[in-house]
């Protein structure tokens, strides 16, 4: 008789291994060029096994994206509490979220490379909003945090809210994420020194805070 509990554990471990290997490969090369056969071979699994677990390559890629952001959200929450959590002003929280992008660049360049490849793949494959459901659920968690910051700013006045909420945070976060992604891939760096662009991200953070904060942090 088969041990169903053991089978479930083995299936979960196999799925986790596929996601881990897929993330590593997709963060190193263009997702379009990486094949499911290559990932299956690296995992020591049969090619068809990948599709039994995920159905399509697109579903596999989206599952990796959701996993990556879900795991990073746990780290963000720990850092958030260490910085004071809800006791921070809106301006301090904005500074904190900008620091998260700097942390991604300093400690998680693989995530930034994967996300850049992910965004390109999703556009090229014309992936629907419905297909992105599980991924968007995770990303929406960050959007809710930004919404809370905007609401707090309306109360404490530490941020200049000249833009509506639908434009304010997306614009700021896109600037930081786009810069961090390009720096992580080495697409932009001063040729005369080491490729560490932390200083440039810190400068970008300072410029954003100077533009949008009413108080010195």
N, C-alpha and C. Protein backbone atom coordinates (compact mmCIF):
# COMPACT_ATOMS: atom_id res chain seq x y z
N UNK A 1 0.85 -1.20 0.00
CA UNK A 1 0.00 0.00 0.00
C UNK A 1 0.88 1.25 0.00
N UNK A 2 0.55 2.19 -0.83
CA UNK A 2 1.34 3.41 -0.90
C UNK A 2 1.10 4.29 0.32
N UNK A 3 2.16 4.95 0.74
CA UNK A 3 2.06 5.88 1.86
C UNK A 3 1.73 7.26 1.28
N UNK A 4 0.45 7.65 1.39
CA UNK A 4 0.00 8.90 0.77
C UNK A 4 0.69 10.11 1.36
N UNK A 5 0.92 10.10 2.65
CA UNK A 5 1.59 11.23 3.29
C UNK A 5 3.01 11.38 2.77
N UNK A 6 3.70 10.24 2.62
CA UNK A 6 5.07 10.28 2.09
C UNK A 6 5.06 10.76 0.65
N UNK A 7 4.08 10.31 -0.13
CA UNK A 7 3.98 10.75 -1.53
C UNK A 7 3.78 12.26 -1.62
N UNK A 8 2.93 12.80 -0.76
CA UNK A 8 2.67 14.23 -0.77
C UNK A 8 3.92 15.03 -0.41
N UNK A 9 4.69 14.52 0.56
CA UNK A 9 5.93 15.19 0.95
C UNK A 9 6.92 15.18 -0.20
N UNK A 10 7.04 14.03 -0.86
CA UNK A 10 7.96 13.92 -1.98
C UNK A 10 7.54 14.83 -3.13
N UNK A 11 6.25 14.93 -3.38
CA UNK A 11 5.75 15.80 -4.44
C UNK A 11 6.04 17.25 -4.12
N UNK A 12 5.85 17.64 -2.87
CA UNK A 12 6.11 19.02 -2.45
C UNK A 12 7.59 19.34 -2.58
N UNK A 13 8.44 18.39 -2.20
CA UNK A 13 9.89 18.60 -2.30
C UNK A 13 10.33 18.70 -3.76
N UNK A 14 9.73 17.85 -4.60
CA UNK A 14 10.06 17.87 -6.04
C UNK A 14 9.62 19.20 -6.65
N UNK A 15 8.45 19.68 -6.29
CA UNK A 15 7.94 20.94 -6.81
C UNK A 15 8.84 22.10 -6.38
N UNK A 16 9.23 22.07 -5.10
CA UNK A 16 10.11 23.13 -4.58
C UNK A 16 11.45 23.12 -5.30
N UNK A 17 11.96 21.92 -5.60
CA UNK A 17 13.25 21.83 -6.31
C UNK A 17 13.13 22.40 -7.71
N UNK A 18 12.03 22.09 -8.39
CA UNK A 18 11.83 22.64 -9.72
C UNK A 18 11.76 24.16 -9.71
N UNK A 19 11.07 24.71 -8.73
CA UNK A 19 10.96 26.17 -8.63
C UNK A 19 12.31 26.81 -8.34
N UNK A 20 13.09 26.17 -7.46
CA UNK A 20 14.42 26.71 -7.11
C UNK A 20 15.35 26.68 -8.31
N UNK A 21 15.38 25.56 -9.01
CA UNK A 21 16.25 25.44 -10.18
C UNK A 21 15.77 26.37 -11.29
N UNK A 22 14.46 26.45 -11.49
CA UNK A 22 13.92 27.34 -12.51
C UNK A 22 14.29 28.78 -12.24
N UNK A 23 14.18 29.18 -10.98
CA UNK A 23 14.55 30.56 -10.62
C UNK A 23 16.02 30.82 -10.93
N UNK A 24 16.88 29.89 -10.58
CA UNK A 24 18.31 30.09 -10.81
C UNK A 24 18.61 30.22 -12.30
N UNK A 25 18.01 29.36 -13.10
CA UNK A 25 18.26 29.40 -14.54
C UNK A 25 17.64 30.63 -15.18
N UNK A 26 16.41 30.96 -14.80
CA UNK A 26 15.72 32.11 -15.37
C UNK A 26 16.35 33.44 -14.96
N UNK A 27 17.07 33.46 -13.85
CA UNK A 27 17.73 34.69 -13.44
C UNK A 27 19.10 34.84 -14.10
N UNK A 28 19.55 33.77 -14.76
CA UNK A 28 20.85 33.80 -15.42
C UNK A 28 20.76 34.02 -16.92
N UNK A 29 19.62 33.65 -17.50
CA UNK A 29 19.47 33.79 -18.95
C UNK A 29 18.04 34.22 -19.29
N UNK A 30 17.85 34.67 -20.51
CA UNK A 30 16.52 35.05 -20.97
C UNK A 30 15.57 33.86 -20.82
N UNK A 31 14.39 34.11 -20.28
CA UNK A 31 13.44 33.03 -20.04
C UNK A 31 13.04 32.35 -21.35
N UNK A 32 12.93 33.12 -22.41
CA UNK A 32 12.57 32.52 -23.70
C UNK A 32 13.59 31.48 -24.14
N UNK A 33 14.87 31.70 -23.81
CA UNK A 33 15.92 30.79 -24.26
C UNK A 33 16.06 29.57 -23.37
N UNK A 34 15.66 29.69 -22.12
CA UNK A 34 15.74 28.55 -21.19
C UNK A 34 14.57 27.61 -21.46
N UNK A 35 14.84 26.33 -21.53
CA UNK A 35 13.79 25.37 -21.85
C UNK A 35 13.39 24.56 -20.62
N UNK A 36 12.17 24.05 -20.66
CA UNK A 36 11.69 23.18 -19.60
C UNK A 36 12.51 21.89 -19.56
N UNK A 37 12.97 21.44 -20.72
CA UNK A 37 13.79 20.23 -20.80
C UNK A 37 15.10 20.44 -20.05
N UNK A 38 15.70 21.62 -20.21
CA UNK A 38 16.94 21.95 -19.51
C UNK A 38 16.73 21.94 -18.00
N UNK A 39 15.63 22.53 -17.56
CA UNK A 39 15.34 22.60 -16.12
C UNK A 39 15.07 21.21 -15.57
N UNK A 40 14.31 20.43 -16.30
CA UNK A 40 14.01 19.07 -15.86
C UNK A 40 15.29 18.25 -15.72
N UNK A 41 16.18 18.37 -16.68
CA UNK A 41 17.45 17.64 -16.63
C UNK A 41 18.28 18.07 -15.43
N UNK A 42 18.31 19.37 -15.15
CA UNK A 42 19.07 19.88 -14.01
C UNK A 42 18.49 19.37 -12.70
N UNK A 43 17.17 19.19 -12.68
CA UNK A 43 16.49 18.68 -11.48
C UNK A 43 16.61 17.16 -11.36
N UNK A 44 17.10 16.52 -12.41
CA UNK A 44 17.16 15.06 -12.40
C UNK A 44 15.80 14.43 -12.60
N UNK A 45 14.94 15.11 -13.36
CA UNK A 45 13.57 14.64 -13.60
C UNK A 45 13.31 14.47 -15.08
N UNK A 46 12.27 13.74 -15.39
CA UNK A 46 11.86 13.59 -16.77
C UNK A 46 11.20 14.85 -17.28
N UNK A 47 11.32 15.07 -18.58
CA UNK A 47 10.77 16.27 -19.21
C UNK A 47 9.27 16.41 -18.97
N UNK A 48 8.54 15.32 -19.10
CA UNK A 48 7.08 15.37 -18.96
C UNK A 48 6.65 15.64 -17.52
N UNK A 49 7.53 15.35 -16.57
CA UNK A 49 7.19 15.59 -15.16
C UNK A 49 6.92 17.06 -14.90
N UNK A 50 7.69 17.93 -15.55
CA UNK A 50 7.53 19.37 -15.37
C UNK A 50 6.10 19.79 -15.71
N UNK A 51 5.58 19.25 -16.78
CA UNK A 51 4.25 19.65 -17.23
C UNK A 51 3.14 19.02 -16.40
N UNK A 52 3.42 17.89 -15.77
CA UNK A 52 2.44 17.30 -14.86
C UNK A 52 2.23 18.19 -13.64
N UNK A 53 3.28 18.90 -13.26
CA UNK A 53 3.21 19.77 -12.09
C UNK A 53 2.68 21.16 -12.43
N UNK A 54 3.04 21.68 -13.58
CA UNK A 54 2.72 23.08 -13.87
C UNK A 54 1.88 23.30 -15.13
N UNK A 55 1.73 22.30 -15.96
CA UNK A 55 0.88 22.42 -17.13
C UNK A 55 1.55 23.10 -18.31
N UNK A 56 2.06 24.31 -18.11
CA UNK A 56 2.71 25.06 -19.19
C UNK A 56 3.95 25.77 -18.64
N UNK A 57 4.80 26.19 -19.55
CA UNK A 57 5.99 26.95 -19.15
C UNK A 57 5.57 28.27 -18.51
N UNK A 58 4.55 28.90 -19.07
CA UNK A 58 4.07 30.18 -18.52
C UNK A 58 3.61 30.02 -17.09
N UNK A 59 2.86 28.97 -16.80
CA UNK A 59 2.39 28.72 -15.44
C UNK A 59 3.57 28.50 -14.50
N UNK A 60 4.60 27.84 -14.99
CA UNK A 60 5.82 27.59 -14.21
C UNK A 60 6.53 28.90 -13.89
N UNK A 61 6.68 29.74 -14.90
CA UNK A 61 7.35 31.04 -14.71
C UNK A 61 6.58 31.89 -13.70
N UNK A 62 5.27 31.92 -13.82
CA UNK A 62 4.44 32.71 -12.90
C UNK A 62 4.53 32.18 -11.48
N UNK A 63 4.56 30.85 -11.33
CA UNK A 63 4.70 30.25 -10.00
C UNK A 63 6.01 30.65 -9.36
N UNK A 64 7.07 30.72 -10.14
CA UNK A 64 8.37 31.16 -9.61
C UNK A 64 8.29 32.62 -9.17
N UNK A 65 7.69 33.47 -10.01
CA UNK A 65 7.56 34.88 -9.67
C UNK A 65 6.80 35.09 -8.38
N UNK A 66 5.70 34.36 -8.21
CA UNK A 66 4.91 34.48 -6.98
C UNK A 66 5.71 34.02 -5.77
N UNK A 67 6.45 32.94 -5.93
CA UNK A 67 7.27 32.41 -4.83
C UNK A 67 8.36 33.41 -4.42
N UNK A 68 9.01 33.98 -5.42
CA UNK A 68 10.09 34.93 -5.16
C UNK A 68 9.60 36.13 -4.35
N UNK A 69 8.50 36.75 -4.80
CA UNK A 69 7.98 37.93 -4.11
C UNK A 69 7.39 37.57 -2.75
N UNK A 70 6.80 36.38 -2.64
CA UNK A 70 6.23 35.97 -1.36
C UNK A 70 7.34 35.82 -0.31
N UNK A 71 8.44 35.22 -0.71
CA UNK A 71 9.56 35.04 0.21
C UNK A 71 10.21 36.39 0.56
N UNK A 72 10.32 37.28 -0.43
CA UNK A 72 10.91 38.58 -0.11
C UNK A 72 9.98 39.41 0.76
N UNK A 73 8.68 39.24 0.62
CA UNK A 73 7.72 39.95 1.46
C UNK A 73 7.92 39.61 2.93
N UNK A 74 8.31 38.37 3.21
CA UNK A 74 8.59 37.97 4.60
C UNK A 74 9.77 38.77 5.13
N UNK A 75 10.81 38.92 4.32
CA UNK A 75 11.98 39.70 4.74
C UNK A 75 11.61 41.17 4.94
N UNK A 76 10.80 41.70 4.03
CA UNK A 76 10.38 43.10 4.13
C UNK A 76 9.63 43.33 5.44
N UNK A 77 8.77 42.40 5.80
CA UNK A 77 8.00 42.55 7.03
C UNK A 77 8.91 42.56 8.26
N UNK A 78 9.94 41.73 8.25
CA UNK A 78 10.89 41.70 9.37
C UNK A 78 11.66 43.02 9.45
N UNK A 79 12.10 43.52 8.29
CA UNK A 79 12.84 44.79 8.27
C UNK A 79 11.93 45.94 8.70
N UNK A 80 10.68 45.86 8.28
CA UNK A 80 9.69 46.89 8.62
C UNK A 80 9.52 46.99 10.12
N UNK A 81 9.37 45.87 10.78
CA UNK A 81 9.21 45.86 12.23
C UNK A 81 10.46 46.35 12.92
N UNK A 82 11.63 46.00 12.39
CA UNK A 82 12.89 46.43 12.99
C UNK A 82 13.07 47.94 12.89
N UNK A 83 12.46 48.57 11.88
CA UNK A 83 12.57 50.02 11.70
C UNK A 83 11.52 50.79 12.48
N UNK A 84 10.61 50.09 13.15
CA UNK A 84 9.59 50.79 13.93
C UNK A 84 8.18 50.49 13.51
N UNK A 85 8.01 49.84 12.34
CA UNK A 85 6.68 49.44 11.91
C UNK A 85 5.71 50.60 11.77
N UNK A 86 4.51 50.42 12.30
CA UNK A 86 3.45 51.42 12.16
C UNK A 86 3.77 52.73 12.88
N UNK A 87 4.78 52.69 13.77
CA UNK A 87 5.15 53.92 14.49
C UNK A 87 5.89 54.92 13.61
N UNK A 88 6.36 54.47 12.44
CA UNK A 88 7.06 55.39 11.53
C UNK A 88 6.08 56.40 10.93
N UNK A 89 6.59 57.56 10.59
CA UNK A 89 5.78 58.52 9.84
C UNK A 89 5.67 58.04 8.40
N UNK A 90 4.79 58.67 7.64
CA UNK A 90 4.65 58.30 6.23
C UNK A 90 5.95 58.53 5.48
N UNK A 91 6.65 59.62 5.79
CA UNK A 91 7.92 59.91 5.13
C UNK A 91 8.96 58.86 5.48
N UNK A 92 8.98 58.43 6.72
CA UNK A 92 9.92 57.39 7.14
C UNK A 92 9.61 56.06 6.46
N UNK A 93 8.32 55.80 6.28
CA UNK A 93 7.94 54.56 5.60
C UNK A 93 8.34 54.60 4.13
N UNK A 94 8.19 55.76 3.49
CA UNK A 94 8.62 55.89 2.11
C UNK A 94 10.12 55.62 2.01
N UNK A 95 10.89 56.20 2.94
CA UNK A 95 12.34 55.97 2.96
C UNK A 95 12.63 54.49 3.14
N UNK A 96 11.85 53.83 3.99
CA UNK A 96 12.04 52.40 4.22
C UNK A 96 11.83 51.61 2.93
N UNK A 97 10.75 51.90 2.22
CA UNK A 97 10.47 51.14 1.00
C UNK A 97 11.52 51.41 -0.08
N UNK A 98 12.05 52.62 -0.12
CA UNK A 98 13.14 52.90 -1.05
C UNK A 98 14.38 52.09 -0.67
N UNK A 99 14.61 51.94 0.62
CA UNK A 99 15.73 51.13 1.11
C UNK A 99 15.57 49.66 0.72
N UNK A 100 14.33 49.21 0.59
CA UNK A 100 14.10 47.82 0.18
C UNK A 100 14.64 47.57 -1.22
N UNK A 101 14.54 48.56 -2.10
CA UNK A 101 15.08 48.40 -3.44
C UNK A 101 16.60 48.37 -3.40
N UNK A 102 17.18 49.16 -2.51
CA UNK A 102 18.63 49.14 -2.35
C UNK A 102 19.07 47.79 -1.78
N UNK A 103 18.28 47.25 -0.86
CA UNK A 103 18.57 45.93 -0.31
C UNK A 103 18.51 44.86 -1.40
N UNK A 104 17.51 44.97 -2.28
CA UNK A 104 17.42 44.01 -3.40
C UNK A 104 18.69 44.06 -4.24
N UNK A 105 19.17 45.27 -4.52
CA UNK A 105 20.37 45.40 -5.33
C UNK A 105 21.60 44.86 -4.61
N UNK A 106 21.71 45.15 -3.33
CA UNK A 106 22.89 44.73 -2.58
C UNK A 106 22.91 43.23 -2.29
N UNK A 107 21.76 42.66 -2.01
CA UNK A 107 21.72 41.28 -1.52
C UNK A 107 20.95 40.28 -2.37
N UNK A 108 20.19 40.77 -3.36
CA UNK A 108 19.34 39.87 -4.15
C UNK A 108 19.35 40.25 -5.62
N UNK A 109 20.52 40.39 -6.19
CA UNK A 109 20.60 40.73 -7.61
C UNK A 109 19.93 39.67 -8.48
N UNK A 110 19.94 38.42 -8.01
CA UNK A 110 19.29 37.37 -8.78
C UNK A 110 17.79 37.61 -8.91
N UNK A 111 17.17 38.16 -7.86
CA UNK A 111 15.75 38.48 -7.93
C UNK A 111 15.51 39.58 -8.96
N UNK A 112 16.34 40.61 -8.94
CA UNK A 112 16.19 41.71 -9.89
C UNK A 112 16.37 41.23 -11.32
N UNK A 113 17.34 40.36 -11.55
CA UNK A 113 17.55 39.83 -12.91
C UNK A 113 16.37 38.98 -13.34
N UNK A 114 15.86 38.16 -12.41
CA UNK A 114 14.70 37.33 -12.76
C UNK A 114 13.49 38.19 -13.09
N UNK A 115 13.21 39.20 -12.26
CA UNK A 115 12.04 40.05 -12.48
C UNK A 115 12.13 40.77 -13.81
N UNK A 116 13.31 41.23 -14.17
CA UNK A 116 13.48 41.89 -15.47
C UNK A 116 13.19 40.90 -16.60
N UNK A 117 13.72 39.68 -16.49
CA UNK A 117 13.46 38.65 -17.50
C UNK A 117 11.98 38.26 -17.51
N UNK A 118 11.39 38.21 -16.32
CA UNK A 118 9.98 37.86 -16.16
C UNK A 118 9.10 38.88 -16.89
N UNK A 119 9.37 40.16 -16.66
CA UNK A 119 8.57 41.22 -17.28
C UNK A 119 8.64 41.14 -18.80
N UNK A 120 9.84 40.88 -19.32
CA UNK A 120 10.01 40.77 -20.77
C UNK A 120 9.24 39.57 -21.31
N UNK A 121 9.35 38.45 -20.62
CA UNK A 121 8.67 37.23 -21.05
C UNK A 121 7.15 37.41 -21.06
N UNK A 122 6.61 37.99 -19.99
CA UNK A 122 5.17 38.19 -19.88
C UNK A 122 4.64 39.06 -21.02
N UNK A 123 5.40 40.09 -21.37
CA UNK A 123 4.98 40.97 -22.47
C UNK A 123 5.03 40.22 -23.80
N UNK A 124 6.13 39.51 -24.04
CA UNK A 124 6.29 38.81 -25.32
C UNK A 124 5.25 37.71 -25.51
N UNK A 125 4.86 37.07 -24.41
CA UNK A 125 3.91 35.96 -24.49
C UNK A 125 2.45 36.42 -24.39
N UNK A 126 2.26 37.74 -24.20
CA UNK A 126 0.90 38.28 -24.07
C UNK A 126 0.10 37.53 -23.01
N UNK A 127 0.72 37.35 -21.86
CA UNK A 127 0.07 36.62 -20.77
C UNK A 127 -1.10 37.44 -20.23
N UNK A 128 -2.23 36.81 -20.04
CA UNK A 128 -3.43 37.50 -19.60
C UNK A 128 -3.41 37.80 -18.10
N UNK A 129 -4.25 38.74 -17.71
CA UNK A 129 -4.39 39.10 -16.30
C UNK A 129 -4.87 37.90 -15.48
N UNK A 130 -5.72 37.09 -16.08
CA UNK A 130 -6.22 35.90 -15.39
C UNK A 130 -5.10 34.92 -15.10
N UNK A 131 -4.22 34.73 -16.08
CA UNK A 131 -3.09 33.82 -15.89
C UNK A 131 -2.14 34.32 -14.81
N UNK A 132 -2.05 35.63 -14.68
CA UNK A 132 -1.15 36.24 -13.69
C UNK A 132 -1.77 36.33 -12.30
N UNK A 133 -2.94 35.74 -12.13
CA UNK A 133 -3.68 35.89 -10.88
C UNK A 133 -2.87 35.61 -9.63
N UNK A 134 -2.21 34.46 -9.55
CA UNK A 134 -1.48 34.08 -8.35
C UNK A 134 -0.29 35.02 -8.11
N UNK A 135 0.30 35.52 -9.20
CA UNK A 135 1.41 36.48 -9.08
C UNK A 135 0.91 37.83 -8.61
N UNK A 136 -0.18 38.29 -9.19
CA UNK A 136 -0.73 39.59 -8.82
C UNK A 136 -1.21 39.63 -7.38
N UNK A 137 -1.68 38.50 -6.87
CA UNK A 137 -2.12 38.43 -5.48
C UNK A 137 -0.98 38.79 -4.53
N UNK A 138 0.21 38.30 -4.85
CA UNK A 138 1.38 38.59 -4.02
C UNK A 138 1.81 40.05 -4.17
N UNK A 139 1.89 40.52 -5.41
CA UNK A 139 2.30 41.90 -5.67
C UNK A 139 1.31 42.89 -5.07
N UNK A 140 0.04 42.53 -5.07
CA UNK A 140 -0.99 43.41 -4.49
C UNK A 140 -0.75 43.64 -3.00
N UNK A 141 -0.07 42.70 -2.36
CA UNK A 141 0.26 42.88 -0.94
C UNK A 141 1.15 44.10 -0.73
N UNK A 142 2.10 44.31 -1.66
CA UNK A 142 2.95 45.50 -1.58
C UNK A 142 2.14 46.76 -1.88
N UNK A 143 1.22 46.65 -2.84
CA UNK A 143 0.38 47.80 -3.18
C UNK A 143 -0.46 48.24 -1.99
N UNK A 144 -0.93 47.27 -1.21
CA UNK A 144 -1.72 47.61 -0.02
C UNK A 144 -0.87 48.35 1.01
N UNK A 145 0.39 47.97 1.11
CA UNK A 145 1.28 48.67 2.04
C UNK A 145 1.49 50.12 1.60
N UNK A 146 1.67 50.33 0.29
CA UNK A 146 1.84 51.68 -0.22
C UNK A 146 0.57 52.50 -0.01
N UNK A 147 -0.57 51.86 -0.14
CA UNK A 147 -1.84 52.54 0.09
C UNK A 147 -1.92 53.02 1.53
N UNK A 148 -1.47 52.18 2.46
CA UNK A 148 -1.49 52.56 3.87
C UNK A 148 -0.57 53.75 4.14
N UNK A 149 0.55 53.80 3.43
CA UNK A 149 1.47 54.93 3.59
C UNK A 149 0.82 56.21 3.09
N UNK A 150 0.14 56.13 1.96
CA UNK A 150 -0.52 57.31 1.40
C UNK A 150 -1.59 57.82 2.37
N UNK A 151 -2.35 56.90 2.94
CA UNK A 151 -3.37 57.29 3.91
C UNK A 151 -2.75 57.94 5.14
N UNK A 152 -1.62 57.40 5.58
CA UNK A 152 -0.94 57.97 6.74
C UNK A 152 -0.44 59.38 6.41
N UNK A 153 0.06 59.56 5.18
CA UNK A 153 0.56 60.87 4.78
C UNK A 153 -0.54 61.92 4.78
N UNK A 154 -1.76 61.50 4.44
CA UNK A 154 -2.89 62.43 4.48
C UNK A 154 -3.17 62.88 5.90
N UNK A 155 -2.79 62.06 6.87
CA UNK A 155 -3.01 62.40 8.27
C UNK A 155 -1.85 63.17 8.89
N UNK A 156 -0.59 62.69 8.64
CA UNK A 156 0.54 63.33 9.34
C UNK A 156 1.23 64.42 8.52
N UNK A 157 0.92 64.53 7.23
CA UNK A 157 1.46 65.63 6.42
C UNK A 157 2.94 65.58 6.15
N UNK A 158 3.58 64.44 6.34
CA UNK A 158 5.04 64.38 6.14
C UNK A 158 5.42 64.15 4.69
N UNK A 159 4.45 63.87 3.82
CA UNK A 159 4.72 63.73 2.39
C UNK A 159 3.93 64.76 1.60
N UNK A 160 4.51 65.24 0.52
CA UNK A 160 3.82 66.14 -0.38
C UNK A 160 3.00 65.30 -1.36
N UNK A 161 1.71 65.39 -1.25
CA UNK A 161 0.84 64.54 -2.07
C UNK A 161 0.28 65.33 -3.25
N UNK A 162 1.18 65.81 -4.08
CA UNK A 162 0.75 66.56 -5.26
C UNK A 162 0.18 65.68 -6.35
N UNK A 163 0.50 64.39 -6.29
CA UNK A 163 0.00 63.44 -7.28
C UNK A 163 -1.07 62.55 -6.64
N UNK A 164 -2.04 62.11 -7.42
CA UNK A 164 -3.02 61.16 -6.87
C UNK A 164 -2.33 59.85 -6.53
N UNK A 165 -2.93 59.09 -5.65
CA UNK A 165 -2.32 57.83 -5.20
C UNK A 165 -2.03 56.88 -6.36
N UNK A 166 -2.89 56.86 -7.36
CA UNK A 166 -2.71 55.95 -8.48
C UNK A 166 -1.45 56.26 -9.30
N UNK A 167 -0.89 57.47 -9.11
CA UNK A 167 0.32 57.86 -9.84
C UNK A 167 1.53 57.98 -8.92
N UNK A 168 1.29 58.34 -7.66
CA UNK A 168 2.37 58.68 -6.74
C UNK A 168 3.35 57.53 -6.53
N UNK A 169 2.87 56.44 -5.96
CA UNK A 169 3.78 55.34 -5.65
C UNK A 169 4.22 54.55 -6.88
N UNK A 170 3.33 54.28 -7.86
CA UNK A 170 3.81 53.56 -9.05
C UNK A 170 4.98 54.27 -9.73
N UNK A 171 4.91 55.60 -9.81
CA UNK A 171 5.98 56.35 -10.46
C UNK A 171 7.28 56.22 -9.68
N UNK A 172 7.20 56.42 -8.38
CA UNK A 172 8.40 56.34 -7.53
C UNK A 172 9.00 54.94 -7.54
N UNK A 173 8.16 53.93 -7.35
CA UNK A 173 8.66 52.58 -7.26
C UNK A 173 9.19 52.07 -8.59
N UNK A 174 8.57 52.50 -9.70
CA UNK A 174 9.06 52.08 -11.01
C UNK A 174 10.46 52.64 -11.25
N UNK A 175 10.67 53.89 -10.87
CA UNK A 175 11.99 54.50 -11.05
C UNK A 175 13.05 53.71 -10.30
N UNK A 176 12.78 53.38 -9.03
CA UNK A 176 13.76 52.66 -8.23
C UNK A 176 13.97 51.24 -8.75
N UNK A 177 12.88 50.55 -9.06
CA UNK A 177 13.00 49.17 -9.53
C UNK A 177 13.72 49.10 -10.88
N UNK A 178 13.37 50.01 -11.78
CA UNK A 178 14.00 50.03 -13.09
C UNK A 178 15.51 50.26 -12.98
N UNK A 179 15.89 51.22 -12.13
CA UNK A 179 17.31 51.50 -11.94
C UNK A 179 18.03 50.32 -11.31
N UNK A 180 17.43 49.73 -10.28
CA UNK A 180 18.05 48.60 -9.60
C UNK A 180 18.21 47.42 -10.54
N UNK A 181 17.21 47.16 -11.39
CA UNK A 181 17.29 46.05 -12.35
C UNK A 181 18.44 46.26 -13.33
N UNK A 182 18.55 47.46 -13.88
CA UNK A 182 19.60 47.74 -14.86
C UNK A 182 20.98 47.64 -14.21
N UNK A 183 21.11 48.14 -12.97
CA UNK A 183 22.38 48.05 -12.27
C UNK A 183 22.74 46.60 -11.98
N UNK A 184 21.74 45.80 -11.60
CA UNK A 184 21.99 44.40 -11.26
C UNK A 184 22.47 43.62 -12.48
N UNK A 185 22.00 44.00 -13.67
CA UNK A 185 22.41 43.32 -14.90
C UNK A 185 23.70 43.88 -15.47
N UNK A 186 24.21 44.97 -14.86
CA UNK A 186 25.43 45.56 -15.38
C UNK A 186 25.21 46.33 -16.67
N UNK A 187 23.96 46.74 -16.91
CA UNK A 187 23.67 47.49 -18.13
C UNK A 187 24.13 48.94 -18.03
N UNK A 188 24.23 49.44 -16.79
CA UNK A 188 24.68 50.81 -16.56
C UNK A 188 25.65 50.80 -15.39
N UNK A 189 26.88 51.22 -15.63
CA UNK A 189 27.83 51.36 -14.53
C UNK A 189 29.02 52.19 -15.01
N UNK A 190 29.64 52.92 -14.08
CA UNK A 190 30.80 53.73 -14.45
C UNK A 190 31.97 52.82 -14.84
N UNK A 191 32.51 52.98 -16.04
CA UNK A 191 33.59 52.09 -16.49
C UNK A 191 34.90 52.28 -15.73
N UNK A 192 35.03 53.41 -15.03
CA UNK A 192 36.31 53.71 -14.39
C UNK A 192 36.44 53.13 -12.99
N UNK A 193 35.41 52.43 -12.49
CA UNK A 193 35.52 51.87 -11.14
C UNK A 193 34.71 50.59 -11.03
N UNK A 194 34.66 50.03 -9.82
CA UNK A 194 33.92 48.81 -9.60
C UNK A 194 32.43 48.99 -9.97
N UNK A 195 31.77 47.88 -10.24
CA UNK A 195 30.39 47.93 -10.71
C UNK A 195 29.38 48.02 -9.58
N UNK A 196 29.75 48.51 -8.43
CA UNK A 196 28.81 48.67 -7.32
C UNK A 196 28.09 50.00 -7.48
N UNK A 197 26.79 49.94 -7.72
CA UNK A 197 26.01 51.14 -7.97
C UNK A 197 25.15 51.53 -6.76
N UNK A 198 25.51 51.06 -5.58
CA UNK A 198 24.75 51.40 -4.38
C UNK A 198 24.68 52.92 -4.19
N UNK A 199 25.81 53.59 -4.42
CA UNK A 199 25.85 55.04 -4.25
C UNK A 199 24.85 55.76 -5.14
N UNK A 200 24.70 55.27 -6.37
CA UNK A 200 23.75 55.88 -7.30
C UNK A 200 22.30 55.66 -6.85
N UNK A 201 22.02 54.48 -6.30
CA UNK A 201 20.68 54.22 -5.78
C UNK A 201 20.40 55.07 -4.54
N UNK A 202 21.42 55.25 -3.70
CA UNK A 202 21.27 56.11 -2.52
C UNK A 202 21.00 57.55 -2.94
N UNK A 203 21.67 58.00 -3.99
CA UNK A 203 21.45 59.35 -4.50
C UNK A 203 20.04 59.49 -5.06
N UNK A 204 19.58 58.48 -5.78
CA UNK A 204 18.22 58.50 -6.32
C UNK A 204 17.20 58.53 -5.19
N UNK A 205 17.44 57.76 -4.15
CA UNK A 205 16.57 57.78 -2.97
C UNK A 205 16.52 59.18 -2.36
N UNK A 206 17.69 59.80 -2.19
CA UNK A 206 17.76 61.13 -1.59
C UNK A 206 17.00 62.16 -2.43
N UNK A 207 17.11 62.05 -3.73
CA UNK A 207 16.41 62.98 -4.62
C UNK A 207 14.89 62.83 -4.50
N UNK A 208 14.43 61.58 -4.42
CA UNK A 208 12.99 61.33 -4.28
C UNK A 208 12.48 61.88 -2.95
N UNK A 209 13.24 61.62 -1.89
CA UNK A 209 12.81 62.10 -0.57
C UNK A 209 12.81 63.62 -0.51
N UNK A 210 13.83 64.25 -1.12
CA UNK A 210 13.89 65.70 -1.11
C UNK A 210 12.71 66.30 -1.87
N UNK A 211 12.27 65.61 -2.91
CA UNK A 211 11.16 66.08 -3.73
C UNK A 211 9.80 65.92 -3.03
N UNK A 212 9.65 64.82 -2.26
CA UNK A 212 8.31 64.48 -1.78
C UNK A 212 8.10 64.57 -0.28
N UNK A 213 9.13 64.82 0.51
CA UNK A 213 8.94 64.89 1.95
C UNK A 213 8.87 66.32 2.44
N UNK A 214 8.08 66.52 3.48
CA UNK A 214 7.97 67.84 4.11
C UNK A 214 8.88 67.99 5.31
N UNK A 215 9.26 66.88 5.90
CA UNK A 215 10.13 66.89 7.08
C UNK A 215 11.45 66.23 6.77
N UNK A 216 12.48 66.60 7.48
CA UNK A 216 13.76 65.93 7.39
C UNK A 216 13.66 64.61 8.15
N UNK A 217 14.22 63.58 7.55
CA UNK A 217 14.16 62.25 8.18
C UNK A 217 15.47 61.95 8.89
